[in-house]
N, C-alpha and C. Protein backbone atom coordinates (compact mmCIF):
# COMPACT_ATOMS: atom_id res chain seq x y z
N UNK A 1 97.81 101.64 103.47
CA UNK A 1 98.19 102.41 104.53
C UNK A 1 96.88 101.88 105.52
N UNK A 2 97.50 101.42 106.57
CA UNK A 2 95.84 101.88 107.56
C UNK A 2 95.58 103.22 108.67
N UNK A 3 94.58 103.63 108.67
CA UNK A 3 94.20 104.60 108.96
C UNK A 3 93.60 104.35 110.30
N UNK A 4 94.33 104.45 111.67
CA UNK A 4 93.08 104.27 113.07
C UNK A 4 92.99 105.19 113.88
N UNK A 5 91.60 105.33 114.07
CA UNK A 5 91.35 106.53 115.08
C UNK A 5 90.82 105.88 116.48
N UNK A 6 91.86 105.70 117.08
CA UNK A 6 90.67 105.64 118.14
C UNK A 6 90.43 106.46 119.30
N UNK A 7 89.11 106.14 119.58
CA UNK A 7 88.33 106.92 120.02
C UNK A 7 87.71 106.53 122.02
N UNK A 8 88.26 107.79 122.66
CA UNK A 8 87.32 107.42 123.99
C UNK A 8 86.35 108.85 124.38
N UNK A 9 85.25 107.92 124.68
CA UNK A 9 83.80 109.07 124.54
C UNK A 9 83.71 109.69 125.72
N UNK A 10 83.09 110.83 125.90
CA UNK A 10 82.69 111.11 127.17
C UNK A 10 82.02 111.04 128.69
N UNK A 11 81.27 110.10 128.05
CA UNK A 11 80.15 109.03 128.49
C UNK A 11 80.31 107.98 127.66
N UNK A 12 80.27 106.79 128.57
CA UNK A 12 80.39 105.35 127.60
C UNK A 12 78.56 105.09 127.57
N UNK A 13 78.68 105.15 125.98
CA UNK A 13 77.07 104.86 125.30
C UNK A 13 76.34 103.88 126.44
N UNK A 14 75.14 103.43 126.33
CA UNK A 14 73.98 102.17 126.63
C UNK A 14 74.71 100.88 125.93
N UNK A 15 74.71 101.23 125.04
CA UNK A 15 74.87 100.04 124.13
C UNK A 15 76.04 100.62 123.22
N UNK A 16 77.25 100.20 123.65
CA UNK A 16 78.43 100.44 122.88
C UNK A 16 78.51 99.39 121.24
N UNK A 17 77.36 98.45 121.37
CA UNK A 17 77.79 97.57 120.17
C UNK A 17 77.25 98.55 119.08
N UNK A 18 75.76 99.08 119.37
CA UNK A 18 74.76 99.73 119.01
C UNK A 18 75.58 100.86 118.69
N UNK A 19 76.43 101.68 118.87
CA UNK A 19 77.02 102.96 118.33
C UNK A 19 78.27 102.77 117.41
N UNK A 20 78.77 101.51 117.90
CA UNK A 20 79.75 100.90 116.88
C UNK A 20 79.19 101.22 115.48
N UNK A 21 77.97 100.04 115.14
CA UNK A 21 77.00 100.12 114.28
C UNK A 21 76.62 101.94 113.55
N UNK A 22 76.30 102.64 114.31
CA UNK A 22 76.05 103.44 114.00
C UNK A 22 76.99 104.42 113.16
N UNK A 23 78.70 103.90 114.16
CA UNK A 23 79.94 105.05 113.06
C UNK A 23 80.07 103.81 112.65
N UNK A 24 80.01 102.73 112.36
CA UNK A 24 80.36 102.36 110.77
C UNK A 24 79.54 102.48 109.66
N UNK A 25 78.70 102.74 110.15
CA UNK A 25 77.25 103.22 108.71
C UNK A 25 77.62 105.06 108.36
N UNK A 26 78.04 105.35 109.29
CA UNK A 26 78.55 106.97 108.69
C UNK A 26 80.03 106.73 107.74
N UNK A 27 80.61 105.89 108.22
CA UNK A 27 82.12 105.30 107.75
C UNK A 27 81.72 104.92 106.32
N UNK A 28 80.92 103.96 106.12
CA UNK A 28 80.18 103.19 104.70
C UNK A 28 80.60 104.18 103.76
N UNK A 29 80.18 105.15 103.53
CA UNK A 29 80.63 105.77 101.87
C UNK A 29 82.00 106.04 101.59
N UNK A 30 82.27 105.85 102.69
CA UNK A 30 84.38 106.07 102.61
C UNK A 30 84.43 104.78 101.10
N UNK A 31 83.98 104.09 101.29
CA UNK A 31 84.41 102.57 100.34
C UNK A 31 84.34 103.64 98.96
N UNK A 32 83.13 104.39 98.62
CA UNK A 32 83.42 105.03 97.24
C UNK A 32 84.77 105.98 96.86
N UNK A 33 85.23 106.60 98.15
CA UNK A 33 86.42 107.11 97.46
C UNK A 33 87.67 106.15 97.08
N UNK A 34 87.93 106.48 95.58
CA UNK A 34 88.93 105.75 94.89
C UNK A 34 90.23 105.32 96.18
N UNK A 35 90.67 104.29 96.01
CA UNK A 35 91.86 104.43 96.95
C UNK A 35 91.71 103.61 98.16
N UNK A 36 90.57 104.16 98.99
CA UNK A 36 89.97 103.10 100.21
C UNK A 36 89.23 101.83 99.56
N UNK A 37 89.97 100.33 100.66
CA UNK A 37 89.45 99.61 100.61
C UNK A 37 88.82 99.09 101.70
N UNK A 38 88.54 99.52 103.02
CA UNK A 38 87.80 99.01 103.44
C UNK A 38 87.71 99.35 104.73
N UNK A 39 86.72 99.44 105.66
CA UNK A 39 86.11 100.26 106.70
C UNK A 39 86.08 99.30 108.05
N UNK A 40 86.82 99.24 109.30
CA UNK A 40 85.92 98.23 110.28
C UNK A 40 85.62 98.99 111.82
N UNK A 41 85.36 98.95 112.20
CA UNK A 41 84.75 99.80 113.48
C UNK A 41 84.50 98.53 114.86
N UNK A 42 85.27 98.94 115.66
CA UNK A 42 85.87 97.55 116.68
C UNK A 42 85.62 98.34 117.93
N UNK A 43 84.43 97.59 118.81
CA UNK A 43 84.28 98.13 120.12
C UNK A 43 85.59 97.38 121.22
N UNK A 44 85.60 98.38 121.89
CA UNK A 44 86.91 97.59 123.12
C UNK A 44 86.20 96.71 123.88
N UNK A 45 86.71 95.62 124.51
CA UNK A 45 86.25 94.25 125.39
C UNK A 45 86.43 94.96 126.58
N UNK A 46 87.81 95.63 127.34
CA UNK A 46 87.79 95.76 128.59
C UNK A 46 87.69 97.00 128.34
N UNK A 47 86.89 97.49 129.65
CA UNK A 47 86.26 98.39 130.24
C UNK A 47 86.76 98.67 131.27
N UNK A 48 87.86 99.81 131.42
CA UNK A 48 88.62 100.53 132.83
C UNK A 48 88.77 101.61 131.84
N UNK A 49 88.82 102.73 132.96
CA UNK A 49 89.07 104.11 132.46
C UNK A 49 90.15 104.26 131.76
N UNK A 50 91.43 103.76 131.95
CA UNK A 50 92.67 104.03 130.96
C UNK A 50 92.47 103.64 129.96
N UNK A 51 91.36 102.75 129.11
CA UNK A 51 91.24 102.49 127.85
C UNK A 51 90.29 103.37 127.10
N UNK A 52 90.81 102.91 125.48
CA UNK A 52 90.06 103.81 124.43
C UNK A 52 88.44 103.16 124.44
N UNK A 53 87.55 103.37 123.76
CA UNK A 53 86.26 102.48 123.68
C UNK A 53 86.20 101.97 122.40
N UNK A 54 86.73 102.79 121.37
CA UNK A 54 86.53 102.04 120.27
C UNK A 54 87.17 102.50 119.38
N UNK A 55 87.67 101.90 118.32
CA UNK A 55 88.62 101.27 116.88
C UNK A 55 88.15 101.33 115.93
N UNK A 56 88.68 102.52 114.58
CA UNK A 56 87.96 102.68 113.33
C UNK A 56 89.21 102.59 112.76
N UNK A 57 89.10 101.64 111.85
CA UNK A 57 90.27 101.03 110.97
C UNK A 57 89.97 101.56 109.62
N UNK A 58 90.40 102.34 108.90
CA UNK A 58 90.22 102.33 107.67
C UNK A 58 91.49 102.02 106.76
N UNK A 59 90.95 100.96 105.22
CA UNK A 59 92.37 100.56 104.62
C UNK A 59 92.33 101.79 103.67
N UNK A 60 93.56 102.14 103.01
CA UNK A 60 93.27 103.07 101.99
C UNK A 60 94.96 103.53 101.19
N UNK A 61 95.15 103.40 99.82
CA UNK A 61 96.21 104.04 99.80
C UNK A 61 96.53 105.27 100.46
N UNK A 62 97.82 105.47 100.41
CA UNK A 62 98.31 106.63 101.20
C UNK A 62 97.43 107.97 100.54
N UNK A 63 97.59 107.95 98.70
CA UNK A 63 97.01 109.00 98.38
C UNK A 63 95.75 109.53 98.22
N UNK A 64 94.85 108.38 99.03
CA UNK A 64 93.51 109.07 99.41
C UNK A 64 93.24 109.65 100.43
N UNK A 65 94.18 109.98 101.23
CA UNK A 65 93.83 110.44 102.57
C UNK A 65 93.42 111.73 102.61
N UNK A 66 93.68 112.69 101.41
CA UNK A 66 93.40 113.99 100.99
C UNK A 66 91.88 113.77 100.53
N UNK A 67 91.36 112.72 100.08
CA UNK A 67 89.99 112.69 99.51
C UNK A 67 89.52 112.39 100.62
N UNK A 68 89.88 111.38 101.62
CA UNK A 68 89.14 110.81 102.85
C UNK A 68 88.69 112.30 103.91
N UNK A 69 90.02 113.28 104.12
CA UNK A 69 90.07 114.55 104.94
C UNK A 69 88.75 115.03 104.43
N UNK A 70 88.81 115.39 103.21
CA UNK A 70 87.34 116.11 102.25
C UNK A 70 86.07 115.89 102.50
N UNK A 71 86.00 114.29 102.58
CA UNK A 71 84.96 113.61 101.97
C UNK A 71 83.56 114.34 103.39
N UNK A 72 82.17 113.98 102.48
CA UNK A 72 81.27 114.27 103.40
C UNK A 72 81.31 112.94 105.14
N UNK A 73 81.17 112.21 104.70
CA UNK A 73 81.48 111.31 105.95
C UNK A 73 82.52 111.34 106.80
N UNK A 74 83.41 111.73 106.41
CA UNK A 74 84.30 112.07 107.50
C UNK A 74 83.77 113.39 108.26
N UNK A 75 83.55 114.93 107.49
CA UNK A 75 82.82 115.42 108.14
C UNK A 75 81.45 115.63 108.97
N UNK A 76 80.73 114.57 108.40
CA UNK A 76 79.60 114.07 109.13
C UNK A 76 80.11 113.87 110.70
N UNK A 77 81.01 112.92 110.83
CA UNK A 77 81.82 112.09 111.72
C UNK A 77 82.36 113.13 112.60
N UNK A 78 82.70 114.22 112.46
CA UNK A 78 83.40 115.24 113.12
C UNK A 78 82.20 115.98 113.56
N UNK A 79 81.10 115.91 113.21
CA UNK A 79 79.83 116.86 113.30
C UNK A 79 78.84 116.49 114.22
N UNK A 80 78.79 115.28 114.16
CA UNK A 80 77.53 114.52 115.10
C UNK A 80 78.21 113.91 116.16
N UNK A 81 79.56 112.98 116.30
CA UNK A 81 80.18 112.89 117.06
C UNK A 81 81.21 113.29 117.68
N UNK A 82 82.00 114.36 117.08
CA UNK A 82 82.73 115.14 117.69
C UNK A 82 83.02 115.63 119.36
N UNK A 83 81.24 116.20 119.35
CA UNK A 83 80.90 117.15 120.93
C UNK A 83 80.91 115.76 121.92
N UNK A 84 80.85 114.01 121.40
CA UNK A 84 80.88 113.32 121.98
C UNK A 84 82.16 112.55 122.91
N UNK A 85 83.39 113.11 121.63
CA UNK A 85 84.64 112.42 122.33
C UNK A 85 85.60 113.18 123.61
N UNK A 86 85.85 112.48 124.17
CA UNK A 86 86.67 113.02 125.42
C UNK A 86 87.68 113.04 124.59
N UNK A 87 88.56 112.20 124.23
CA UNK A 87 89.76 111.92 123.27
C UNK A 87 90.35 111.19 122.42
N UNK A 88 90.65 111.32 121.15
CA UNK A 88 90.93 110.44 120.14
C UNK A 88 92.73 110.47 120.07
N UNK A 89 92.90 109.54 119.30
CA UNK A 89 94.17 109.40 119.20
C UNK A 89 94.44 108.95 117.18
N UNK A 90 94.95 109.45 116.59
CA UNK A 90 95.21 108.91 115.03
C UNK A 90 96.56 108.66 114.53
N UNK A 91 96.41 107.21 114.28
CA UNK A 91 97.64 106.79 114.01
C UNK A 91 97.74 106.55 112.77
N UNK A 92 98.53 106.19 111.89
CA UNK A 92 98.90 105.62 110.48
C UNK A 92 99.82 105.35 109.99
N UNK A 93 99.89 103.57 109.41
CA UNK A 93 100.97 102.56 109.11
C UNK A 93 100.85 102.10 107.98
N UNK A 94 101.38 101.05 107.66
CA UNK A 94 101.79 100.23 106.58
C UNK A 94 101.25 98.92 107.34
């Protein structure tokens, strides 16, 4: 399963690449969760008001989702970055 998190920041960071690297570091511990195979963080390359700023893709077995939801990295993501997010969308697919 691919777990997508689309993020639009309240304010665009001065260095979007650095922000993506920081977020990717937050999610790297997820790779120790049984059933999680990959984590990828991608910045948007077209900056328009109607675009999201970043995409996080976590490749995992569907059964790993509850473990991911409960993990420290997921809670750190919410605690450290939740207040910076204007909106986000979550989409899961095969």
